[in-house]
Full PDB file with SEQRES, HELIX, SHEET, SSBOND, CRYST1, ORIGX, SCALE, CONECT and MASTER records, all heavy atoms in Angstrom:
SEQRES   1 A   41  LEU LEU GLN LEU HIS PRO ALA LYS GLY ALA ILE TYR ARG          
SEQRES   2 A   41  ARG TYR LEU CYS LYS GLN LEU GLU GLY ARG CYS GLU ILE          
SEQRES   3 A   41  ASN CYS LEU ILE PHE GLU GLU LYS ILE GLY GLY CYS ARG          
SEQRES   4 A   41  ALA ASP                                                      
HELIX    1 AA1 LEU A    4  GLN A   19  1                                  16    
SSBOND   1 CYS A   24    CYS A   38                          1555   1555  1.83  
CRYST1    1.000    1.000    1.000  90.00  90.00  90.00 P 1           1          
ORIGX1      1.000000  0.000000  0.000000        0.00000                         
ORIGX2      0.000000  1.000000  0.000000        0.00000                         
ORIGX3      0.000000  0.000000  1.000000        0.00000                         
SCALE1      1.000000  0.000000  0.000000        0.00000                         
SCALE2      0.000000  1.000000  0.000000        0.00000                         
SCALE3      0.000000  0.000000  1.000000        0.00000                         
ATOM      1  N   LEU A   1       0.765  -1.225  -0.030  1.00  0.00           N  
ATOM      2  CA  LEU A   1       0.094   0.001   0.006  1.00  0.00           C  
ATOM      3  C   LEU A   1       0.888   1.291   0.026  1.00  0.00           C  
ATOM      4  O   LEU A   1       0.529   2.196  -0.636  1.00  0.00           O  
ATOM      5  CB  LEU A   1      -0.861  -0.045   1.241  1.00  0.00           C  
ATOM      6  CG  LEU A   1      -2.061  -0.959   1.077  1.00  0.00           C  
ATOM      7  CD1 LEU A   1      -2.859  -0.907   2.413  1.00  0.00           C  
ATOM      8  CD2 LEU A   1      -2.957  -0.509   0.038  1.00  0.00           C  
ATOM      9  N   LEU A   2       1.923   1.208   0.699  1.00  0.00           N  
ATOM     10  CA  LEU A   2       2.782   2.386   0.763  1.00  0.00           C  
ATOM     11  C   LEU A   2       3.493   2.696  -0.543  1.00  0.00           C  
ATOM     12  O   LEU A   2       3.732   3.764  -0.944  1.00  0.00           O  
ATOM     13  CB  LEU A   2       3.947   2.159   1.818  1.00  0.00           C  
ATOM     14  CG  LEU A   2       3.429   2.350   3.231  1.00  0.00           C  
ATOM     15  CD1 LEU A   2       4.466   1.945   4.224  1.00  0.00           C  
ATOM     16  CD2 LEU A   2       2.946   3.714   3.536  1.00  0.00           C  
ATOM     17  N   GLN A   3       3.703   1.602  -1.259  1.00  0.00           N  
ATOM     18  CA  GLN A   3       4.416   1.770  -2.647  1.00  0.00           C  
ATOM     19  C   GLN A   3       3.382   2.318  -3.698  1.00  0.00           C  
ATOM     20  O   GLN A   3       3.713   2.979  -4.659  1.00  0.00           O  
ATOM     21  CB  GLN A   3       4.884   0.494  -3.173  1.00  0.00           C  
ATOM     22  CG  GLN A   3       6.231   0.017  -2.417  1.00  0.00           C  
ATOM     23  CD  GLN A   3       6.817  -1.219  -2.861  1.00  0.00           C  
ATOM     24  OE1 GLN A   3       6.172  -1.910  -3.747  1.00  0.00           O  
ATOM     25  NE2 GLN A   3       7.795  -1.598  -2.352  1.00  0.00           N  
ATOM     26  N   LEU A   4       2.084   1.923  -3.541  1.00  0.00           N  
ATOM     27  CA  LEU A   4       1.070   2.454  -4.383  1.00  0.00           C  
ATOM     28  C   LEU A   4       0.619   3.905  -4.106  1.00  0.00           C  
ATOM     29  O   LEU A   4       0.107   4.497  -5.069  1.00  0.00           O  
ATOM     30  CB  LEU A   4      -0.221   1.529  -4.322  1.00  0.00           C  
ATOM     31  CG  LEU A   4       0.038   0.115  -4.892  1.00  0.00           C  
ATOM     32  CD1 LEU A   4      -1.294  -0.654  -4.570  1.00  0.00           C  
ATOM     33  CD2 LEU A   4       0.236   0.074  -6.310  1.00  0.00           C  
ATOM     34  N   HIS A   5       0.783   4.423  -2.936  1.00  0.00           N  
ATOM     35  CA  HIS A   5       0.384   5.699  -2.650  1.00  0.00           C  
ATOM     36  C   HIS A   5       0.997   6.792  -3.505  1.00  0.00           C  
ATOM     37  O   HIS A   5       0.334   7.697  -4.000  1.00  0.00           O  
ATOM     38  CB  HIS A   5       0.586   6.017  -1.118  1.00  0.00           C  
ATOM     39  CG  HIS A   5       0.136   7.311  -0.801  1.00  0.00           C  
ATOM     40  ND1 HIS A   5      -1.146   7.755  -0.669  1.00  0.00           N  
ATOM     41  CD2 HIS A   5       0.880   8.449  -0.398  1.00  0.00           C  
ATOM     42  CE1 HIS A   5      -1.144   9.010  -0.339  1.00  0.00           C  
ATOM     43  NE2 HIS A   5       0.044   9.423  -0.182  1.00  0.00           N  
ATOM     44  N   PRO A   6       2.343   6.768  -3.778  1.00  0.00           N  
ATOM     45  CA  PRO A   6       2.947   7.841  -4.525  1.00  0.00           C  
ATOM     46  C   PRO A   6       2.471   7.770  -5.973  1.00  0.00           C  
ATOM     47  O   PRO A   6       2.469   8.687  -6.616  1.00  0.00           O  
ATOM     48  CB  PRO A   6       4.477   7.536  -4.424  1.00  0.00           C  
ATOM     49  CG  PRO A   6       4.690   6.824  -3.157  1.00  0.00           C  
ATOM     50  CD  PRO A   6       3.349   5.975  -3.018  1.00  0.00           C  
ATOM     51  N   ALA A   7       2.119   6.639  -6.413  1.00  0.00           N  
ATOM     52  CA  ALA A   7       1.657   6.543  -7.839  1.00  0.00           C  
ATOM     53  C   ALA A   7       0.341   7.209  -8.088  1.00  0.00           C  
ATOM     54  O   ALA A   7       0.145   7.645  -9.074  1.00  0.00           O  
ATOM     55  CB  ALA A   7       1.518   4.978  -8.163  1.00  0.00           C  
ATOM     56  N   LYS A   8      -0.484   7.214  -7.116  1.00  0.00           N  
ATOM     57  CA  LYS A   8      -1.701   7.945  -7.127  1.00  0.00           C  
ATOM     58  C   LYS A   8      -1.356   9.425  -7.320  1.00  0.00           C  
ATOM     59  O   LYS A   8      -2.040  10.187  -8.171  1.00  0.00           O  
ATOM     60  CB  LYS A   8      -2.519   7.788  -5.925  1.00  0.00           C  
ATOM     61  CG  LYS A   8      -3.918   8.377  -5.982  1.00  0.00           C  
ATOM     62  CD  LYS A   8      -4.859   7.836  -4.895  1.00  0.00           C  
ATOM     63  CE  LYS A   8      -4.289   8.470  -3.601  1.00  0.00           C  
ATOM     64  NZ  LYS A   8      -5.252   8.202  -2.448  1.00  0.00           N  
ATOM     65  N   GLY A   9      -0.372  10.004  -6.686  1.00  0.00           N  
ATOM     66  CA  GLY A   9      -0.083  11.409  -6.834  1.00  0.00           C  
ATOM     67  C   GLY A   9       0.540  11.754  -8.181  1.00  0.00           C  
ATOM     68  O   GLY A   9       0.174  12.758  -8.815  1.00  0.00           O  
ATOM     69  N   ALA A  10       1.178  10.833  -8.832  1.00  0.00           N  
ATOM     70  CA  ALA A  10       1.808  11.028 -10.180  1.00  0.00           C  
ATOM     71  C   ALA A  10       0.706  10.909 -11.200  1.00  0.00           C  
ATOM     72  O   ALA A  10       0.730  11.793 -12.179  1.00  0.00           O  
ATOM     73  CB  ALA A  10       2.836   9.922 -10.460  1.00  0.00           C  
ATOM     74  N   ILE A  11      -0.291  10.168 -11.010  1.00  0.00           N  
ATOM     75  CA  ILE A  11      -1.450  10.167 -11.907  1.00  0.00           C  
ATOM     76  C   ILE A  11      -2.143  11.554 -11.828  1.00  0.00           C  
ATOM     77  O   ILE A  11      -2.622  12.095 -12.895  1.00  0.00           O  
ATOM     78  CB  ILE A  11      -2.393   8.928 -11.595  1.00  0.00           C  
ATOM     79  CG1 ILE A  11      -1.743   7.691 -11.919  1.00  0.00           C  
ATOM     80  CG2 ILE A  11      -3.710   9.113 -12.382  1.00  0.00           C  
ATOM     81  CD1 ILE A  11      -2.442   6.468 -11.347  1.00  0.00           C  
ATOM     82  N   TYR A  12      -2.312  12.026 -10.705  1.00  0.00           N  
ATOM     83  CA  TYR A  12      -3.016  13.313 -10.488  1.00  0.00           C  
ATOM     84  C   TYR A  12      -2.260  14.393 -11.183  1.00  0.00           C  
ATOM     85  O   TYR A  12      -2.738  15.293 -11.838  1.00  0.00           O  
ATOM     86  CB  TYR A  12      -3.254  13.519  -9.075  1.00  0.00           C  
ATOM     87  CG  TYR A  12      -4.012  14.784  -8.794  1.00  0.00           C  
ATOM     88  CD1 TYR A  12      -5.294  15.119  -9.104  1.00  0.00           C  
ATOM     89  CD2 TYR A  12      -3.362  15.986  -8.169  1.00  0.00           C  
ATOM     90  CE1 TYR A  12      -5.909  16.297  -8.897  1.00  0.00           C  
ATOM     91  CE2 TYR A  12      -3.976  17.151  -7.947  1.00  0.00           C  
ATOM     92  CZ  TYR A  12      -5.279  17.329  -8.306  1.00  0.00           C  
ATOM     93  OH  TYR A  12      -5.930  18.487  -8.132  1.00  0.00           O  
ATOM     94  N   ARG A  13      -0.898  14.355 -11.020  1.00  0.00           N  
ATOM     95  CA  ARG A  13      -0.083  15.488 -11.590  1.00  0.00           C  
ATOM     96  C   ARG A  13      -0.054  15.348 -13.138  1.00  0.00           C  
ATOM     97  O   ARG A  13      -0.079  16.495 -13.804  1.00  0.00           O  
ATOM     98  CB  ARG A  13       1.365  15.324 -11.081  1.00  0.00           C  
ATOM     99  CG  ARG A  13       1.557  15.922  -9.698  1.00  0.00           C  
ATOM    100  CD  ARG A  13       2.950  16.117  -9.335  1.00  0.00           C  
ATOM    101  NE  ARG A  13       3.591  14.735  -9.003  1.00  0.00           N  
ATOM    102  CZ  ARG A  13       3.471  14.098  -7.830  1.00  0.00           C  
ATOM    103  NH1 ARG A  13       2.816  14.698  -6.721  1.00  0.00           N  
ATOM    104  NH2 ARG A  13       3.993  13.051  -7.679  1.00  0.00           N  
ATOM    105  N   ARG A  14      -0.202  14.149 -13.652  1.00  0.00           N  
ATOM    106  CA  ARG A  14      -0.294  14.057 -15.195  1.00  0.00           C  
ATOM    107  C   ARG A  14      -1.577  14.669 -15.537  1.00  0.00           C  
ATOM    108  O   ARG A  14      -1.690  15.313 -16.613  1.00  0.00           O  
ATOM    109  CB  ARG A  14      -0.238  12.583 -15.561  1.00  0.00           C  
ATOM    110  CG  ARG A  14       1.053  12.001 -15.560  1.00  0.00           C  
ATOM    111  CD  ARG A  14       0.968  10.569 -16.060  1.00  0.00           C  
ATOM    112  NE  ARG A  14       2.392  10.023 -16.078  1.00  0.00           N  
ATOM    113  CZ  ARG A  14       3.008   9.939 -17.238  1.00  0.00           C  
ATOM    114  NH1 ARG A  14       2.476  10.195 -18.376  1.00  0.00           N  
ATOM    115  NH2 ARG A  14       4.216   9.441 -17.222  1.00  0.00           N  
ATOM    116  N   TYR A  15      -2.602  14.416 -14.845  1.00  0.00           N  
ATOM    117  CA  TYR A  15      -3.971  14.988 -15.163  1.00  0.00           C  
ATOM    118  C   TYR A  15      -3.914  16.521 -15.101  1.00  0.00           C  
ATOM    119  O   TYR A  15      -4.472  17.169 -16.033  1.00  0.00           O  
ATOM    120  CB  TYR A  15      -5.058  14.497 -14.025  1.00  0.00           C  
ATOM    121  CG  TYR A  15      -6.325  15.169 -14.282  1.00  0.00           C  
ATOM    122  CD1 TYR A  15      -7.244  14.992 -15.282  1.00  0.00           C  
ATOM    123  CD2 TYR A  15      -6.827  16.151 -13.308  1.00  0.00           C  
ATOM    124  CE1 TYR A  15      -8.401  15.469 -15.338  1.00  0.00           C  
ATOM    125  CE2 TYR A  15      -7.968  16.828 -13.360  1.00  0.00           C  
ATOM    126  CZ  TYR A  15      -8.797  16.441 -14.420  1.00  0.00           C  
ATOM    127  OH  TYR A  15     -10.041  17.131 -14.535  1.00  0.00           O  
ATOM    128  N   LEU A  16      -3.181  17.144 -14.066  1.00  0.00           N  
ATOM    129  CA  LEU A  16      -3.197  18.528 -14.008  1.00  0.00           C  
ATOM    130  C   LEU A  16      -2.372  19.089 -15.170  1.00  0.00           C  
ATOM    131  O   LEU A  16      -2.638  20.214 -15.731  1.00  0.00           O  
ATOM    132  CB  LEU A  16      -2.558  18.996 -12.711  1.00  0.00           C  
ATOM    133  CG  LEU A  16      -3.272  18.889 -11.392  1.00  0.00           C  
ATOM    134  CD1 LEU A  16      -2.408  19.326 -10.280  1.00  0.00           C  
ATOM    135  CD2 LEU A  16      -4.541  19.764 -11.541  1.00  0.00           C  
ATOM    136  N   CYS A  17      -1.248  18.418 -15.699  1.00  0.00           N  
ATOM    137  CA  CYS A  17      -0.486  18.826 -16.727  1.00  0.00           C  
ATOM    138  C   CYS A  17      -1.426  18.895 -17.996  1.00  0.00           C  
ATOM    139  O   CYS A  17      -1.249  19.818 -18.843  1.00  0.00           O  
ATOM    140  CB  CYS A  17       0.654  17.813 -16.966  1.00  0.00           C  
ATOM    141  SG  CYS A  17       1.865  18.410 -18.223  1.00  0.00           S  
ATOM    142  N   LYS A  18      -2.328  17.851 -18.227  1.00  0.00           N  
ATOM    143  CA  LYS A  18      -3.065  17.909 -19.361  1.00  0.00           C  
ATOM    144  C   LYS A  18      -4.059  19.070 -19.249  1.00  0.00           C  
ATOM    145  O   LYS A  18      -4.437  19.650 -20.178  1.00  0.00           O  
ATOM    146  CB  LYS A  18      -3.890  16.550 -19.482  1.00  0.00           C  
ATOM    147  CG  LYS A  18      -3.079  15.366 -19.718  1.00  0.00           C  
ATOM    148  CD  LYS A  18      -2.559  15.309 -21.142  1.00  0.00           C  
ATOM    149  CE  LYS A  18      -1.815  13.942 -21.383  1.00  0.00           C  
ATOM    150  NZ  LYS A  18      -0.995  14.092 -22.544  1.00  0.00           N  
ATOM    151  N   GLN A  19      -4.592  19.382 -18.144  1.00  0.00           N  
ATOM    152  CA  GLN A  19      -5.526  20.434 -17.967  1.00  0.00           C  
ATOM    153  C   GLN A  19      -4.899  21.906 -18.294  1.00  0.00           C  
ATOM    154  O   GLN A  19      -5.516  22.741 -18.798  1.00  0.00           O  
ATOM    155  CB  GLN A  19      -5.996  20.500 -16.480  1.00  0.00           C  
ATOM    156  CG  GLN A  19      -6.863  19.424 -16.137  1.00  0.00           C  
ATOM    157  CD  GLN A  19      -8.229  19.444 -16.963  1.00  0.00           C  
ATOM    158  OE1 GLN A  19      -8.729  20.431 -17.218  1.00  0.00           O  
ATOM    159  NE2 GLN A  19      -8.579  18.242 -17.324  1.00  0.00           N  
ATOM    160  N   LEU A  20      -3.559  21.931 -18.093  1.00  0.00           N  
ATOM    161  CA  LEU A  20      -2.832  23.101 -18.438  1.00  0.00           C  
ATOM    162  C   LEU A  20      -2.287  23.169 -19.847  1.00  0.00           C  
ATOM    163  O   LEU A  20      -1.416  23.836 -20.290  1.00  0.00           O  
ATOM    164  CB  LEU A  20      -1.562  23.334 -17.449  1.00  0.00           C  
ATOM    165  CG  LEU A  20      -1.973  23.588 -16.094  1.00  0.00           C  
ATOM    166  CD1 LEU A  20      -0.801  23.425 -15.149  1.00  0.00           C  
ATOM    167  CD2 LEU A  20      -2.625  24.958 -15.948  1.00  0.00           C  
ATOM    168  N   GLU A  21      -2.874  22.219 -20.721  1.00  0.00           N  
ATOM    169  CA  GLU A  21      -2.506  21.968 -22.154  1.00  0.00           C  
ATOM    170  C   GLU A  21      -1.074  21.657 -22.284  1.00  0.00           C  
ATOM    171  O   GLU A  21      -0.348  22.203 -23.182  1.00  0.00           O  
ATOM    172  CB  GLU A  21      -2.943  23.339 -22.969  1.00  0.00           C  
ATOM    173  CG  GLU A  21      -4.374  23.589 -22.887  1.00  0.00           C  
ATOM    174  CD  GLU A  21      -4.800  24.887 -23.610  1.00  0.00           C  
ATOM    175  OE1 GLU A  21      -3.791  25.582 -24.151  1.00  0.00           O  
ATOM    176  OE2 GLU A  21      -5.842  25.164 -23.574  1.00  0.00           O  
ATOM    177  N   GLY A  22      -0.521  20.865 -21.391  1.00  0.00           N  
ATOM    178  CA  GLY A  22       0.804  20.417 -21.405  1.00  0.00           C  
ATOM    179  C   GLY A  22       1.016  19.024 -21.689  1.00  0.00           C  
ATOM    180  O   GLY A  22      -0.077  18.283 -21.906  1.00  0.00           O  
ATOM    181  N   ARG A  23       2.220  18.517 -21.709  1.00  0.00           N  
ATOM    182  CA  ARG A  23       2.428  17.069 -21.860  1.00  0.00           C  
ATOM    183  C   ARG A  23       3.564  16.711 -20.991  1.00  0.00           C  
ATOM    184  O   ARG A  23       4.588  17.604 -20.780  1.00  0.00           O  
ATOM    185  CB  ARG A  23       2.622  16.729 -23.313  1.00  0.00           C  
ATOM    186  CG  ARG A  23       3.823  17.457 -23.957  1.00  0.00           C  
ATOM    187  CD  ARG A  23       3.877  17.228 -25.540  1.00  0.00           C  
ATOM    188  NE  ARG A  23       5.038  17.948 -25.993  1.00  0.00           N  
ATOM    189  CZ  ARG A  23       6.175  17.362 -26.067  1.00  0.00           C  
ATOM    190  NH1 ARG A  23       6.396  16.168 -25.708  1.00  0.00           N  
ATOM    191  NH2 ARG A  23       7.275  18.005 -26.589  1.00  0.00           N  
ATOM    192  N   CYS A  24       3.726  15.496 -20.576  1.00  0.00           N  
ATOM    193  CA  CYS A  24       4.751  15.004 -19.706  1.00  0.00           C  
ATOM    194  C   CYS A  24       5.915  14.442 -20.557  1.00  0.00           C  
ATOM    195  O   CYS A  24       5.696  13.617 -21.474  1.00  0.00           O  
ATOM    196  CB  CYS A  24       4.447  13.940 -18.759  1.00  0.00           C  
ATOM    197  SG  CYS A  24       3.187  14.592 -17.607  1.00  0.00           S  
ATOM    198  N   GLU A  25       7.130  14.931 -20.409  1.00  0.00           N  
ATOM    199  CA  GLU A  25       8.285  14.532 -21.214  1.00  0.00           C  
ATOM    200  C   GLU A  25       9.530  14.511 -20.306  1.00  0.00           C  
ATOM    201  O   GLU A  25       9.561  15.032 -19.263  1.00  0.00           O  
ATOM    202  CB  GLU A  25       8.499  15.564 -22.281  1.00  0.00           C  
ATOM    203  CG  GLU A  25       7.478  15.549 -23.426  1.00  0.00           C  
ATOM    204  CD  GLU A  25       7.490  14.215 -24.224  1.00  0.00           C  
ATOM    205  OE1 GLU A  25       8.713  13.644 -24.359  1.00  0.00           O  
ATOM    206  OE2 GLU A  25       6.439  13.832 -24.646  1.00  0.00           O  
ATOM    207  N   ILE A  26      10.570  13.925 -20.890  1.00  0.00           N  
ATOM    208  CA  ILE A  26      11.854  13.899 -20.186  1.00  0.00           C  
ATOM    209  C   ILE A  26      12.483  15.231 -20.203  1.00  0.00           C  
ATOM    210  O   ILE A  26      12.963  15.707 -19.176  1.00  0.00           O  
ATOM    211  CB  ILE A  26      12.782  12.882 -20.793  1.00  0.00           C  
ATOM    212  CG1 ILE A  26      12.202  11.491 -20.747  1.00  0.00           C  
ATOM    213  CG2 ILE A  26      14.278  12.876 -20.278  1.00  0.00           C  
ATOM    214  CD1 ILE A  26      12.941  10.360 -21.479  1.00  0.00           C  
ATOM    215  N   ASN A  27      12.603  15.853 -21.384  1.00  0.00           N  
ATOM    216  CA  ASN A  27      13.171  17.254 -21.599  1.00  0.00           C  
ATOM    217  C   ASN A  27      12.217  18.023 -22.335  1.00  0.00           C  
ATOM    218  O   ASN A  27      11.587  17.503 -23.281  1.00  0.00           O  
ATOM    219  CB  ASN A  27      14.405  17.132 -22.315  1.00  0.00           C  
ATOM    220  CG  ASN A  27      15.533  16.529 -21.451  1.00  0.00           C  
ATOM    221  OD1 ASN A  27      15.642  16.804 -20.347  1.00  0.00           O  
ATOM    222  ND2 ASN A  27      16.284  15.733 -22.047  1.00  0.00           N  
ATOM    223  N   CYS A  28      11.973  19.309 -21.951  1.00  0.00           N  
ATOM    224  CA  CYS A  28      11.194  20.198 -22.809  1.00  0.00           C  
ATOM    225  C   CYS A  28      11.962  20.562 -24.115  1.00  0.00           C  
ATOM    226  O   CYS A  28      13.251  20.769 -24.056  1.00  0.00           O  
ATOM    227  CB  CYS A  28      10.779  21.449 -22.141  1.00  0.00           C  
ATOM    228  SG  CYS A  28       9.759  21.057 -20.504  1.00  0.00           S  
ATOM    229  N   LEU A  29      11.249  20.761 -25.204  1.00  0.00           N  
ATOM    230  CA  LEU A  29      11.890  21.230 -26.470  1.00  0.00           C  
ATOM    231  C   LEU A  29      12.222  22.697 -26.270  1.00  0.00           C  
ATOM    232  O   LEU A  29      11.775  23.317 -25.392  1.00  0.00           O  
ATOM    233  CB  LEU A  29      10.945  20.962 -27.616  1.00  0.00           C  
ATOM    234  CG  LEU A  29      10.549  19.434 -27.885  1.00  0.00           C  
ATOM    235  CD1 LEU A  29       9.506  19.282 -28.901  1.00  0.00           C  
ATOM    236  CD2 LEU A  29      11.815  18.690 -28.127  1.00  0.00           C  
ATOM    237  N   ILE A  30      13.012  23.147 -27.275  1.00  0.00           N  
ATOM    238  CA  ILE A  30      13.415  24.552 -27.239  1.00  0.00           C  
ATOM    239  C   ILE A  30      12.299  25.574 -27.215  1.00  0.00           C  
ATOM    240  O   ILE A  30      12.322  26.570 -26.574  1.00  0.00           O  
ATOM    241  CB  ILE A  30      14.397  24.818 -28.491  1.00  0.00           C  
ATOM    242  CG1 ILE A  30      15.694  24.078 -28.401  1.00  0.00           C  
ATOM    243  CG2 ILE A  30      14.814  26.347 -28.587  1.00  0.00           C  
ATOM    244  CD1 ILE A  30      16.530  24.021 -29.517  1.00  0.00           C  
ATOM    245  N   PHE A  31      11.248  25.257 -27.996  1.00  0.00           N  
ATOM    246  CA  PHE A  31      10.136  26.232 -28.066  1.00  0.00           C  
ATOM    247  C   PHE A  31       9.051  25.956 -27.002  1.00  0.00           C  
ATOM    248  O   PHE A  31       7.911  26.512 -27.150  1.00  0.00           O  
ATOM    249  CB  PHE A  31       9.503  26.107 -29.551  1.00  0.00           C  
ATOM    250  CG  PHE A  31       9.101  24.759 -29.960  1.00  0.00           C  
ATOM    251  CD1 PHE A  31       7.831  24.256 -29.593  1.00  0.00           C  
ATOM    252  CD2 PHE A  31       9.807  23.898 -30.543  1.00  0.00           C  
ATOM    253  CE1 PHE A  31       7.480  23.047 -29.938  1.00  0.00           C  
ATOM    254  CE2 PHE A  31       9.583  22.703 -30.919  1.00  0.00           C  
ATOM    255  CZ  PHE A  31       8.264  22.203 -30.644  1.00  0.00           C  
ATOM    256  N   GLU A  32       9.409  25.228 -26.107  1.00  0.00           N  
ATOM    257  CA  GLU A  32       8.453  24.845 -24.960  1.00  0.00           C  
ATOM    258  C   GLU A  32       8.966  25.420 -23.584  1.00  0.00           C  
ATOM    259  O   GLU A  32      10.092  25.624 -23.441  1.00  0.00           O  
ATOM    260  CB  GLU A  32       8.207  23.375 -24.790  1.00  0.00           C  
ATOM    261  CG  GLU A  32       7.506  22.707 -25.954  1.00  0.00           C  
ATOM    262  CD  GLU A  32       7.311  21.203 -25.727  1.00  0.00           C  
ATOM    263  OE1 GLU A  32       8.184  20.573 -25.216  1.00  0.00           O  
ATOM    264  OE2 GLU A  32       6.394  20.731 -26.305  1.00  0.00           O  
ATOM    265  N   GLU A  33       8.086  25.703 -22.661  1.00  0.00           N  
ATOM    266  CA  GLU A  33       8.357  26.075 -21.378  1.00  0.00           C  
ATOM    267  C   GLU A  33       8.047  25.079 -20.427  1.00  0.00           C  
ATOM    268  O   GLU A  33       7.045  24.276 -20.476  1.00  0.00           O  
ATOM    269  CB  GLU A  33       7.703  27.435 -21.032  1.00  0.00           C  
ATOM    270  CG  GLU A  33       6.140  27.312 -20.981  1.00  0.00           C  
ATOM    271  CD  GLU A  33       5.536  28.666 -20.642  1.00  0.00           C  
ATOM    272  OE1 GLU A  33       6.100  29.527 -20.125  1.00  0.00           O  
ATOM    273  OE2 GLU A  33       4.313  28.815 -21.031  1.00  0.00           O  
ATOM    274  N   LYS A  34       8.805  24.909 -19.297  1.00  0.00           N  
ATOM    275  CA  LYS A  34       8.509  24.029 -18.161  1.00  0.00           C  
ATOM    276  C   LYS A  34       7.484  24.677 -17.266  1.00  0.00           C  
ATOM    277  O   LYS A  34       7.587  25.751 -16.827  1.00  0.00           O  
ATOM    278  CB  LYS A  34       9.803  23.694 -17.507  1.00  0.00           C  
ATOM    279  CG  LYS A  34       9.547  22.790 -16.360  1.00  0.00           C  
ATOM    280  CD  LYS A  34      10.888  22.601 -15.503  1.00  0.00           C  
ATOM    281  CE  LYS A  34      10.491  21.979 -14.192  1.00  0.00           C  
ATOM    282  NZ  LYS A  34      11.648  21.988 -13.276  1.00  0.00           N  
ATOM    283  N   ILE A  35       6.331  23.966 -17.114  1.00  0.00           N  
ATOM    284  CA  ILE A  35       5.166  24.495 -16.288  1.00  0.00           C  
ATOM    285  C   ILE A  35       5.025  23.698 -14.976  1.00  0.00           C  
ATOM    286  O   ILE A  35       4.151  24.070 -14.349  1.00  0.00           O  
ATOM    287  CB  ILE A  35       3.932  24.595 -17.134  1.00  0.00           C  
ATOM    288  CG1 ILE A  35       3.501  23.328 -17.616  1.00  0.00           C  
ATOM    289  CG2 ILE A  35       4.093  25.692 -18.180  1.00  0.00           C  
ATOM    290  CD1 ILE A  35       2.119  23.338 -18.338  1.00  0.00           C  
ATOM    291  N   GLY A  36       5.846  22.708 -14.721  1.00  0.00           N  
ATOM    292  CA  GLY A  36       5.701  21.938 -13.499  1.00  0.00           C  
ATOM    293  C   GLY A  36       6.296  20.589 -13.671  1.00  0.00           C  
ATOM    294  O   GLY A  36       7.127  20.381 -14.620  1.00  0.00           O  
ATOM    295  N   GLY A  37       5.973  19.647 -12.818  1.00  0.00           N  
ATOM    296  CA  GLY A  37       6.572  18.356 -12.892  1.00  0.00           C  
ATOM    297  C   GLY A  37       5.503  17.323 -12.864  1.00  0.00           C  
ATOM    298  O   GLY A  37       4.437  17.400 -12.247  1.00  0.00           O  
ATOM    299  N   CYS A  38       5.879  16.196 -13.540  1.00  0.00           N  
ATOM    300  CA  CYS A  38       4.953  15.069 -13.590  1.00  0.00           C  
ATOM    301  C   CYS A  38       5.303  13.977 -12.632  1.00  0.00           C  
ATOM    302  O   CYS A  38       4.616  13.150 -12.122  1.00  0.00           O  
ATOM    303  CB  CYS A  38       4.835  14.409 -14.915  1.00  0.00           C  
ATOM    304  SG  CYS A  38       4.041  15.463 -16.242  1.00  0.00           S  
ATOM    305  N   ARG A  39       6.610  14.113 -12.114  1.00  0.00           N  
ATOM    306  CA  ARG A  39       7.169  13.397 -10.984  1.00  0.00           C  
ATOM    307  C   ARG A  39       7.324  11.825 -11.315  1.00  0.00           C  
ATOM    308  O   ARG A  39       7.246  11.050 -10.327  1.00  0.00           O  
ATOM    309  CB  ARG A  39       6.501  13.617  -9.695  1.00  0.00           C  
ATOM    310  CG  ARG A  39       6.473  15.017  -9.230  1.00  0.00           C  
ATOM    311  CD  ARG A  39       7.774  15.288  -8.674  1.00  0.00           C  
ATOM    312  NE  ARG A  39       7.832  16.572  -8.082  1.00  0.00           N  
ATOM    313  CZ  ARG A  39       8.857  17.517  -8.166  1.00  0.00           C  
ATOM    314  NH1 ARG A  39       9.961  17.049  -8.579  1.00  0.00           N  
ATOM    315  NH2 ARG A  39       8.689  18.655  -7.663  1.00  0.00           N  
ATOM    316  N   ALA A  40       7.174  11.460 -12.537  1.00  0.00           N  
ATOM    317  CA  ALA A  40       7.469  10.064 -12.884  1.00  0.00           C  
ATOM    318  C   ALA A  40       8.954   9.887 -13.289  1.00  0.00           C  
ATOM    319  O   ALA A  40       9.581  10.841 -13.644  1.00  0.00           O  
ATOM    320  CB  ALA A  40       6.545   9.617 -13.958  1.00  0.00           C  
ATOM    321  N   ASP A  41       9.461   8.738 -13.010  1.00  0.00           N  
ATOM    322  CA  ASP A  41      10.824   8.475 -13.327  1.00  0.00           C  
ATOM    323  C   ASP A  41      11.233   8.771 -14.790  1.00  0.00           C  
ATOM    324  O   ASP A  41      12.375   9.399 -15.030  1.00  0.00           O  
ATOM    325  CB  ASP A  41      11.235   7.156 -12.964  1.00  0.00           C  
ATOM    326  CG  ASP A  41      11.278   6.965 -11.525  1.00  0.00           C  
ATOM    327  OD1 ASP A  41      11.376   7.921 -10.728  1.00  0.00           O  
ATOM    328  OD2 ASP A  41      11.189   5.704 -11.099  1.00  0.00           O  
TER     329      ASP A  41                                                      
CONECT  197  304                                                                
CONECT  304  197                                                                
MASTER        0    0    0    1    0    0    0    6  328    1    2    4          
END                                                                             
């Protein structure tokens, strides 16, 4: 259960990123700005 708890937070952060018209990536492209973190490895 303790290992599953952080995964729930990552799913919620991905949802927030989509709401801000963003996408989760390893590195942002030159013409993109970093607006937060998805917190996945």
